[in-house]
Amino acid sequence: MKTTYDVIIVGAGVAGLNCALHLPENKKILLICKGGTEESDSFLAQGGICCLQGDGDYDGYYRDTLAAGHMENDPAAVERMIRSSPEIIAELIGYGVDFARNADGSLAVTREGGHSRNRICFHEDCTGKEITSTLLARVRELKNVELVPHTTMLDLTVADGECRGIVALDNASGEITRVSADYTVLATGGVGGVFRHSTNFRLLTGDGVSVSLKHGVAVKDINYIQIHPTTLYTGKSGERSFLISESVRGEGAVLLDKNFERFTDELQPRDVVTAEILKQMQKDGTPHVWLDMRGIDREEIAGHFPSIVEKCRKEGYDPFTQCIPVVPAQHYFMGGVKSGTDGRTTMPRLYAVGETCCNGVHGANRLASNSLLESLLFAKRAALDIGANYRAAKPLPHEYAANNGDYANPQELLENYKRDLLNAIKEAANG
């Protein structure tokens, strides 16, 4: 890793990768990630990615997104996302993403909770892995991108009110390096690692939001935390919760109480279904409810949800013949670093994209399968904005040339970031 680049991207999920793919090829780019290149929540996304199904679908898709977001969405951001969805799907196919197809060769689409019709493109039950691994392969082909895993951002470098790069920690050696750049893009993912039960990788602790709070960069709606209704209940603690995709209920699975009786409409928005499950668990005095997939065609379960079938069987449940226990868990972060639809934050030369940012598209609750689409589109827009308005920064002041010892205990610093972020979330919720 060098000490000077044109652009630094922090995070290698779909947002960070797509940003790198759309930056000018004559710019030197550093792309770092906290864990391995496959340890992003983008790899975990099961259900799929939304795509507008013709002009006649626009009003329904728009209404569904705002209804799920409790009408707190930014209408302009929502419109841009929906209108741009066919373009994003076409780009992904061009990169080599293998979406499911119908017998006639057209894209297959499924439905999830909160949607009024089928409009979700997918690849089995591992759409995120298919998209992210494909983008990663395309990024590895770029000669101007240096991809460095197992590297943690400890801080931003700020001079004259502008972001001028980052302070990076090599997780293996403990070496700390100040890396300067004309532009920095935060794509650090969600906040699940600060919660006890989450579907997120444990290393995702909202680092981008934490450093923004430290430097007075505006944040928005950081108390807007989405709970996913259905994760596999195992009774084990300290593990990442395994998601049972929304698509399972979209294909006909139903939720049952302790007496194996249906108690709610499974295709309501996530926050509504979560509330119904928690209410039923309290009423029944049980740590979970049951999800019944037996009404779905056996071939559909095997072909569409192979990863879920495998995981359930590993835990001792056969979804073809048995109900499986499910429980809600923290899943997604609708708030984040405040940004526009071009990814710009309130600090010059600093951008935020993906789950790290809050551009208002999701409102108070994200509609299922809008996350991959939102991350890909607005990361692309951020890259194009950087390219169109690129301006070299002044050389950094001399005092930034070497480590001055401010980061002697990086683990303590990261724990402080987690504590400060949780406190900020609580304060926003109480306010």
Protein backbone atom coordinates (compact mmCIF):
# COMPACT_ATOMS: atom_id res chain seq x y z
CA MET A 1 0.00 0.00 0.00
CA LYS A 2 1.39 3.38 -1.05
CA THR A 3 0.85 6.61 0.86
CA THR A 4 -0.76 8.65 -1.94
CA TYR A 5 -3.64 7.88 -4.31
CA ASP A 6 -6.18 9.85 -6.29
CA VAL A 7 -9.21 8.15 -4.70
CA ILE A 8 -9.56 5.96 -1.61
CA ILE A 9 -12.62 3.70 -1.27
CA VAL A 10 -13.22 2.21 2.17
CA GLY A 11 -15.29 -0.97 1.78
CA ALA A 12 -15.49 -3.72 -0.85
CA GLY A 13 -19.18 -4.54 -0.94
CA VAL A 14 -21.27 -3.78 -4.03
CA ALA A 15 -21.16 -0.03 -3.35
CA GLY A 16 -17.39 0.18 -3.08
CA LEU A 17 -16.83 -2.17 -6.02
CA ASN A 18 -19.28 -0.41 -8.34
CA CYS A 19 -17.78 2.93 -7.40
CA ALA A 20 -14.34 1.66 -8.43
CA LEU A 21 -15.71 0.33 -11.72
CA HIS A 22 -17.10 3.75 -12.69
CA LEU A 23 -14.19 5.99 -11.67
CA PRO A 24 -11.90 7.28 -14.46
CA GLU A 25 -9.34 4.67 -15.51
CA ASN A 26 -6.52 7.23 -15.32
CA LYS A 27 -6.99 7.68 -11.55
CA LYS A 28 -5.02 5.66 -9.00
CA ILE A 29 -7.51 4.03 -6.64
CA LEU A 30 -6.98 2.33 -3.29
CA LEU A 31 -9.81 -0.02 -2.27
CA ILE A 32 -9.53 -1.39 1.27
CA CYS A 33 -11.77 -3.65 3.31
CA LYS A 34 -11.74 -4.50 7.01
CA GLY A 35 -11.91 -8.28 6.55
CA GLY A 36 -11.48 -10.57 3.58
CA THR A 37 -12.89 -9.57 0.22
CA GLU A 38 -15.92 -11.84 0.78
CA GLU A 39 -16.72 -10.52 4.26
CA SER A 40 -19.25 -7.89 3.22
CA ASP A 41 -22.99 -8.06 3.76
CA SER A 42 -23.39 -7.72 0.01
CA PHE A 43 -22.26 -11.36 -0.21
CA LEU A 44 -25.03 -12.35 2.22
CA ALA A 45 -27.98 -10.84 0.35
CA GLN A 46 -30.33 -13.69 -0.51
CA GLY A 47 -33.55 -12.43 -2.02
CA GLY A 48 -32.61 -10.33 -5.04
CA ILE A 49 -32.57 -6.90 -6.60
CA CYS A 50 -35.61 -4.89 -7.66
CA CYS A 51 -36.22 -3.88 -11.24
CA LEU A 52 -39.01 -1.74 -12.67
CA GLN A 53 -41.30 -3.94 -14.76
CA GLY A 54 -42.19 -1.45 -17.48
CA ASP A 55 -43.79 2.00 -17.25
CA GLY A 56 -47.03 0.49 -15.97
CA ASP A 57 -45.21 -0.68 -12.84
CA TYR A 58 -43.78 2.71 -11.87
CA ASP A 59 -46.67 3.98 -9.74
CA GLY A 60 -46.96 0.67 -7.86
CA TYR A 61 -43.22 0.41 -7.23
CA TYR A 62 -43.11 4.04 -6.06
CA ARG A 63 -46.08 3.54 -3.71
CA ASP A 64 -44.63 0.31 -2.32
CA THR A 65 -41.29 1.98 -1.54
CA LEU A 66 -42.91 4.97 0.20
CA ALA A 67 -45.41 2.82 2.06
CA ALA A 68 -42.62 0.64 3.44
CA GLY A 69 -40.64 3.78 4.37
CA HIS A 70 -43.64 5.31 6.19
CA MET A 71 -43.66 8.20 3.71
CA GLU A 72 -40.37 9.52 5.11
CA ASN A 73 -38.51 8.76 1.87
CA ASP A 74 -36.97 11.45 -0.31
CA PRO A 75 -39.26 11.38 -3.39
CA ALA A 76 -36.56 12.53 -5.82
CA ALA A 77 -34.14 9.82 -4.65
CA VAL A 78 -36.86 7.17 -4.92
CA GLU A 79 -37.79 8.25 -8.44
CA ARG A 80 -34.15 8.22 -9.56
CA MET A 81 -33.63 4.74 -8.11
CA ILE A 82 -36.73 3.25 -9.71
CA ARG A 83 -36.19 4.84 -13.14
CA SER A 84 -32.53 3.73 -13.15
CA SER A 85 -33.17 0.11 -12.14
CA PRO A 86 -33.35 -1.38 -15.69
CA GLU A 87 -30.03 0.34 -16.53
CA ILE A 88 -28.38 -1.17 -13.41
CA ILE A 89 -29.69 -4.67 -14.20
CA ALA A 90 -28.42 -4.37 -17.78
CA GLU A 91 -24.99 -3.31 -16.52
CA LEU A 92 -24.84 -6.27 -14.14
CA ILE A 93 -25.71 -8.68 -16.94
CA GLY A 94 -22.99 -7.04 -19.01
CA TYR A 95 -20.50 -7.71 -16.21
CA GLY A 96 -21.54 -11.38 -16.24
CA VAL A 97 -24.14 -11.67 -13.48
CA ASP A 98 -26.27 -14.77 -14.07
CA PHE A 99 -29.86 -13.93 -13.13
CA ALA A 100 -32.55 -16.61 -13.19
CA ARG A 101 -34.38 -16.88 -16.50
CA ASN A 102 -37.77 -18.13 -17.65
CA ALA A 103 -38.08 -20.84 -20.28
CA ASP A 104 -38.35 -18.16 -22.99
CA GLY A 105 -35.08 -16.55 -21.87
CA SER A 106 -36.66 -13.53 -20.19
CA LEU A 107 -35.59 -12.55 -16.69
CA ALA A 108 -37.48 -14.40 -13.96
CA VAL A 109 -38.86 -12.16 -11.21
CA THR A 110 -40.19 -13.00 -7.77
CA ARG A 111 -42.07 -11.12 -5.06
CA GLU A 112 -41.26 -10.21 -1.47
CA GLY A 113 -43.00 -8.58 1.47
CA GLY A 114 -44.27 -5.06 0.85
CA HIS A 115 -44.33 -5.47 -2.94
CA SER A 116 -47.61 -5.30 -4.84
CA ARG A 117 -46.29 -7.48 -7.67
CA ASN A 118 -43.33 -9.59 -8.84
CA ARG A 119 -40.37 -7.33 -9.73
CA ILE A 120 -37.29 -8.89 -8.09
CA CYS A 121 -34.50 -10.39 -10.19
CA PHE A 122 -32.57 -13.15 -8.44
CA HIS A 123 -29.97 -15.90 -8.61
CA GLU A 124 -31.20 -18.86 -6.54
CA ASP A 125 -31.10 -17.66 -2.91
CA CYS A 126 -27.64 -16.10 -3.13
CA THR A 127 -28.16 -13.09 -5.37
CA GLY A 128 -25.77 -10.93 -3.36
CA LYS A 129 -22.96 -13.46 -3.70
CA GLU A 130 -23.53 -13.74 -7.45
CA ILE A 131 -23.48 -9.96 -7.97
CA THR A 132 -20.66 -9.15 -5.56
CA SER A 133 -18.32 -11.92 -6.71
CA THR A 134 -18.87 -10.87 -10.32
CA LEU A 135 -18.11 -7.22 -9.58
CA LEU A 136 -15.07 -8.25 -7.56
CA ALA A 137 -13.75 -10.21 -10.54
CA ARG A 138 -14.23 -7.17 -12.80
CA VAL A 139 -12.46 -4.88 -10.30
CA ARG A 140 -9.50 -7.27 -10.09
CA GLU A 141 -9.08 -6.78 -13.84
CA LEU A 142 -8.55 -3.02 -13.42
CA LYS A 143 -4.89 -2.01 -13.51
CA ASN A 144 -5.58 1.31 -11.72
CA VAL A 145 -7.17 -0.27 -8.61
CA GLU A 146 -5.13 -1.61 -5.69
CA LEU A 147 -7.30 -3.91 -3.56
CA VAL A 148 -6.04 -4.34 0.01
CA PRO A 149 -8.06 -6.59 2.37
CA HIS A 150 -7.69 -6.94 6.15
CA THR A 151 -7.12 -3.21 6.50
CA THR A 152 -9.12 -1.04 8.90
CA MET A 153 -9.81 2.68 8.59
CA LEU A 154 -9.00 4.24 11.96
CA ASP A 155 -9.73 7.84 11.07
CA LEU A 156 -10.08 10.47 8.39
CA THR A 157 -7.30 12.89 7.58
CA VAL A 158 -8.78 16.40 7.51
CA ALA A 159 -7.03 19.62 6.48
CA ASP A 160 -8.61 23.05 5.96
CA GLY A 161 -12.04 21.50 6.47
CA GLU A 162 -11.56 19.01 3.62
CA CYS A 163 -11.11 15.24 3.72
CA ARG A 164 -7.64 14.42 2.51
CA GLY A 165 -7.49 10.67 3.07
CA ILE A 166 -7.48 8.15 5.89
CA VAL A 167 -5.44 6.60 8.66
CA ALA A 168 -5.22 2.86 7.91
CA LEU A 169 -4.34 -0.10 10.12
CA ASP A 170 -2.84 -3.30 8.73
CA ASN A 171 -4.78 -5.85 10.78
CA ALA A 172 -2.02 -8.46 10.60
CA SER A 173 1.12 -6.42 11.26
CA GLY A 174 -0.41 -3.62 13.31
CA GLU A 175 1.30 -1.07 11.08
CA ILE A 176 -0.48 2.27 10.86
CA THR A 177 -0.22 4.36 7.69
CA ARG A 178 -1.55 7.79 6.76
CA VAL A 179 -2.80 7.51 3.19
CA SER A 180 -3.64 10.72 1.35
CA ALA A 181 -6.01 11.16 -1.59
CA ASP A 182 -7.87 13.86 -3.44
CA TYR A 183 -11.18 12.10 -2.72
CA THR A 184 -12.33 9.54 -0.17
CA VAL A 185 -15.44 7.36 -0.46
CA LEU A 186 -16.96 5.73 2.62
CA ALA A 187 -18.60 2.40 1.74
CA THR A 188 -18.16 0.71 5.10
CA GLY A 189 -21.53 -1.04 5.26
CA GLY A 190 -23.92 -1.35 8.18
CA VAL A 191 -23.88 -1.36 11.96
CA GLY A 192 -24.86 -4.94 12.85
CA GLY A 193 -21.59 -5.62 14.68
CA VAL A 194 -22.61 -3.31 17.51
CA PHE A 195 -25.77 -5.35 18.17
CA ARG A 196 -26.01 -8.68 19.99
CA HIS A 197 -28.20 -10.38 17.36
CA SER A 198 -27.70 -9.43 13.72
CA THR A 199 -27.60 -10.94 10.25
CA ASN A 200 -24.51 -8.79 9.54
CA PHE A 201 -20.88 -9.81 9.70
CA ARG A 202 -19.57 -8.99 13.18
CA LEU A 203 -16.81 -6.76 11.78
CA LEU A 204 -19.36 -4.30 10.37
CA THR A 205 -19.51 -1.75 13.17
CA GLY A 206 -20.49 1.45 11.39
CA ASP A 207 -16.94 2.77 11.10
CA GLY A 208 -17.85 5.28 8.40
CA VAL A 209 -20.58 6.76 10.56
CA SER A 210 -18.31 6.81 13.62
CA VAL A 211 -15.51 8.76 11.98
CA SER A 212 -18.10 11.13 10.50
CA LEU A 213 -19.51 11.79 13.96
CA LYS A 214 -15.98 12.44 15.22
CA HIS A 215 -15.33 15.08 12.55
CA GLY A 216 -18.74 16.75 12.56
CA VAL A 217 -19.85 15.39 9.19
CA ALA A 218 -23.66 15.42 9.11
CA VAL A 219 -25.50 12.17 9.76
CA LYS A 220 -29.19 11.44 9.30
CA ASP A 221 -31.78 9.12 10.87
CA ILE A 222 -29.15 6.98 12.61
CA ASN A 223 -31.81 5.48 14.88
CA TYR A 224 -33.56 3.94 11.87
CA ILE A 225 -32.56 0.31 12.35
CA GLN A 226 -34.39 -2.41 10.43
CA ILE A 227 -35.16 -5.74 12.06
CA HIS A 228 -35.61 -8.66 9.63
CA PRO A 229 -38.64 -10.78 10.59
CA THR A 230 -37.23 -14.20 9.82
CA THR A 231 -33.82 -15.54 10.80
CA LEU A 232 -33.22 -19.16 11.70
CA TYR A 233 -33.55 -19.72 15.44
CA THR A 234 -30.81 -21.99 16.80
CA GLY A 235 -30.64 -21.05 20.47
CA LYS A 236 -26.91 -20.40 20.06
CA SER A 237 -25.37 -17.06 21.07
CA GLY A 238 -22.43 -15.18 19.57
CA GLU A 239 -23.18 -16.27 16.01
CA ARG A 240 -24.28 -14.23 13.02
CA SER A 241 -28.00 -14.80 12.56
CA PHE A 242 -28.81 -16.77 9.39
CA LEU A 243 -31.35 -15.03 7.21
CA ILE A 244 -34.41 -16.82 5.86
CA SER A 245 -35.08 -14.75 2.74
CA GLU A 246 -38.17 -12.64 2.23
CA SER A 247 -38.58 -14.51 -1.05
CA VAL A 248 -39.55 -17.66 0.85
CA ARG A 249 -42.67 -15.90 2.10
CA GLY A 250 -43.08 -14.30 -1.32
CA GLU A 251 -43.33 -17.79 -2.81
CA GLY A 252 -45.96 -18.88 -0.30
CA ALA A 253 -44.38 -19.79 3.07
CA VAL A 254 -46.55 -18.90 6.07
CA LEU A 255 -45.88 -18.02 9.72
CA LEU A 256 -47.36 -20.19 12.45
CA ASP A 257 -47.69 -19.84 16.23
CA LYS A 258 -46.90 -22.49 18.86
CA ASN A 259 -50.12 -24.32 17.93
CA PHE A 260 -49.09 -24.26 14.26
CA GLU A 261 -51.84 -21.81 13.37
CA ARG A 262 -51.30 -18.88 11.00
CA PHE A 263 -51.36 -15.51 12.79
CA THR A 264 -50.49 -12.75 10.28
CA ASP A 265 -50.20 -11.65 6.63
CA GLU A 266 -46.62 -12.59 5.76
CA LEU A 267 -46.34 -10.14 2.85
CA GLN A 268 -46.66 -6.94 4.83
CA PRO A 269 -43.56 -4.67 5.14
CA ARG A 270 -40.75 -6.02 7.32
CA ASP A 271 -41.35 -3.82 10.34
CA VAL A 272 -45.03 -4.81 10.45
CA VAL A 273 -44.29 -8.55 10.18
CA THR A 274 -41.56 -8.22 12.81
CA ALA A 275 -43.96 -6.54 15.22
CA GLU A 276 -46.54 -9.31 14.68
CA ILE A 277 -43.94 -12.03 15.33
CA LEU A 278 -42.68 -10.37 18.52
CA LYS A 279 -46.25 -9.93 19.72
CA GLN A 280 -47.02 -13.60 19.03
CA MET A 281 -43.84 -14.77 20.78
CA GLN A 282 -44.79 -12.78 23.87
CA LYS A 283 -48.34 -14.14 23.77
CA ASP A 284 -47.12 -17.74 23.35
CA GLY A 285 -44.18 -17.42 25.76
CA THR A 286 -41.83 -18.87 23.11
CA PRO A 287 -38.39 -17.76 21.81
CA HIS A 288 -39.47 -18.16 18.17
CA VAL A 289 -42.38 -18.78 15.81
CA TRP A 290 -42.57 -21.31 12.98
CA LEU A 291 -42.15 -20.84 9.24
CA ASP A 292 -43.94 -23.40 7.08
CA MET A 293 -42.51 -23.87 3.58
CA ARG A 294 -44.35 -27.13 2.90
CA GLY A 295 -46.98 -25.40 0.76
CA ILE A 296 -44.35 -24.42 -1.81
CA ASP A 297 -43.63 -26.81 -4.66
CA ARG A 298 -40.73 -29.07 -3.69
CA GLU A 299 -38.80 -28.34 -6.90
CA GLU A 300 -39.23 -24.61 -6.32
CA ILE A 301 -37.76 -24.87 -2.81
CA ALA A 302 -34.83 -26.98 -4.00
CA GLY A 303 -34.08 -24.82 -7.03
CA HIS A 304 -34.72 -21.35 -5.62
CA PHE A 305 -33.51 -21.78 -2.02
CA PRO A 306 -30.67 -24.35 -1.96
CA SER A 307 -28.55 -22.47 0.61
CA ILE A 308 -31.48 -22.14 2.99
CA VAL A 309 -32.32 -25.83 2.62
CA GLU A 310 -28.70 -26.77 3.34
CA LYS A 311 -28.47 -24.56 6.43
CA CYS A 312 -31.79 -25.80 7.83
CA ARG A 313 -30.72 -29.42 7.40
CA LYS A 314 -27.40 -28.64 9.08
CA GLU A 315 -29.38 -27.41 12.08
CA GLY A 316 -31.57 -30.52 12.09
CA TYR A 317 -34.64 -29.34 10.17
CA ASP A 318 -35.99 -30.62 6.85
CA PRO A 319 -37.95 -27.73 5.28
CA PHE A 320 -39.62 -30.14 2.83
CA THR A 321 -41.39 -31.97 5.65
CA GLN A 322 -41.03 -29.78 8.78
CA CYS A 323 -41.69 -26.24 9.92
CA ILE A 324 -38.53 -24.32 10.84
CA PRO A 325 -38.12 -21.99 13.85
CA VAL A 326 -37.57 -18.31 13.03
CA VAL A 327 -36.98 -15.14 15.07
CA PRO A 328 -36.39 -11.46 14.16
CA ALA A 329 -32.85 -10.00 14.23
CA GLN A 330 -31.15 -6.70 13.37
CA HIS A 331 -30.63 -6.58 9.63
CA TYR A 332 -30.25 -3.19 7.96
CA PHE A 333 -29.36 0.44 8.63
CA MET A 334 -31.55 3.03 6.91
CA GLY A 335 -29.73 5.95 8.51
CA GLY A 336 -26.11 6.93 8.04
CA VAL A 337 -23.82 9.64 6.78
CA LYS A 338 -26.01 12.26 5.15
CA SER A 339 -25.43 12.39 1.41
CA GLY A 340 -27.07 13.55 -1.76
CA THR A 341 -27.90 11.33 -4.71
CA ASP A 342 -24.39 12.08 -5.98
CA GLY A 343 -22.87 10.69 -2.78
CA ARG A 344 -21.50 14.02 -1.55
CA THR A 345 -21.40 14.56 2.21
CA THR A 346 -21.20 17.84 4.12
CA MET A 347 -17.38 17.61 4.12
CA PRO A 348 -15.69 18.54 0.84
CA ARG A 349 -13.86 15.66 -0.90
CA LEU A 350 -15.69 13.08 1.23
CA TYR A 351 -18.39 10.83 -0.28
CA ALA A 352 -20.58 8.16 1.32
CA VAL A 353 -22.39 5.36 -0.53
CA GLY A 354 -24.25 2.13 0.20
CA GLU A 355 -25.56 1.22 3.63
CA THR A 356 -23.07 3.67 5.19
CA CYS A 357 -24.97 6.64 3.79
CA CYS A 358 -28.45 8.05 4.13
CA ASN A 359 -29.73 9.71 0.98
CA GLY A 360 -33.38 9.34 2.00
CA VAL A 361 -34.32 6.66 -0.50
CA HIS A 362 -35.42 4.12 2.15
CA GLY A 363 -37.21 6.42 4.59
CA ALA A 364 -37.91 4.87 7.98
CA ASN A 365 -37.97 1.27 6.74
CA ARG A 366 -36.38 -0.27 3.64
CA LEU A 367 -38.54 -2.10 1.11
CA ALA A 368 -37.20 -5.60 0.49
CA SER A 369 -34.56 -5.94 -2.25
CA ASN A 370 -34.06 -2.20 -2.71
CA SER A 371 -30.68 -2.33 -0.93
CA LEU A 372 -28.49 -3.80 -3.69
CA LEU A 373 -30.13 -1.52 -6.24
CA GLU A 374 -29.70 1.60 -4.12
CA SER A 375 -26.07 0.79 -3.31
CA LEU A 376 -25.12 0.09 -6.92
CA LEU A 377 -26.85 3.10 -8.43
CA PHE A 378 -25.72 5.82 -6.03
CA ALA A 379 -22.17 4.45 -5.85
CA LYS A 380 -22.04 4.72 -9.62
CA ARG A 381 -23.37 8.27 -9.44
CA ALA A 382 -20.75 9.19 -6.83
CA ALA A 383 -17.98 7.86 -9.07
CA LEU A 384 -19.30 9.78 -12.06
CA ASP A 385 -19.56 12.94 -9.96
CA ILE A 386 -15.95 12.59 -8.81
CA GLY A 387 -14.81 12.02 -12.38
CA ALA A 388 -16.77 14.95 -13.79
CA ASN A 389 -15.62 17.41 -11.11
CA TYR A 390 -12.14 16.11 -10.35
CA ARG A 391 -9.82 18.71 -8.88
CA ALA A 392 -6.43 17.93 -7.40
CA ALA A 393 -6.00 18.96 -3.78
CA LYS A 394 -3.19 21.05 -2.35
CA PRO A 395 -0.30 19.14 -0.81
CA LEU A 396 -0.96 18.16 2.80
CA PRO A 397 0.66 20.24 5.55
CA HIS A 398 3.95 18.83 6.82
CA GLU A 399 2.45 17.61 10.13
CA TYR A 400 0.44 14.97 8.28
CA ALA A 401 3.51 13.40 6.69
CA ALA A 402 4.11 10.84 9.46
CA ASN A 403 2.30 9.04 12.25
CA ASN A 404 2.32 11.28 15.31
CA GLY A 405 1.36 8.55 17.78
CA ASP A 406 -2.33 9.44 18.09
CA TYR A 407 -3.29 5.84 17.24
CA ALA A 408 -1.09 3.88 19.63
CA ASN A 409 -4.04 1.73 20.79
CA PRO A 410 -6.20 1.10 17.71
CA GLN A 411 -8.43 -1.56 19.31
CA GLU A 412 -9.37 0.80 22.11
CA LEU A 413 -10.12 3.48 19.53
CA LEU A 414 -12.41 1.11 17.61
CA GLU A 415 -14.23 0.10 20.81
CA ASN A 416 -14.73 3.78 21.59
CA TYR A 417 -16.19 4.28 18.12
CA LYS A 418 -18.71 1.47 18.76
CA ARG A 419 -19.67 2.95 22.11
CA ASP A 420 -20.05 6.46 20.70
CA LEU A 421 -22.14 5.17 17.79
CA LEU A 422 -24.50 3.24 20.07
CA ASN A 423 -24.88 6.29 22.30
CA ALA A 424 -25.63 8.47 19.28
CA ILE A 425 -28.25 5.96 18.06
CA LYS A 426 -29.89 5.91 21.49
CA GLU A 427 -29.82 9.69 21.72
CA ALA A 428 -31.42 10.02 18.28
CA ALA A 429 -34.10 7.48 19.24
CA ASN A 430 -34.91 9.30 22.48
CA GLY A 431 -34.87 12.69 20.78
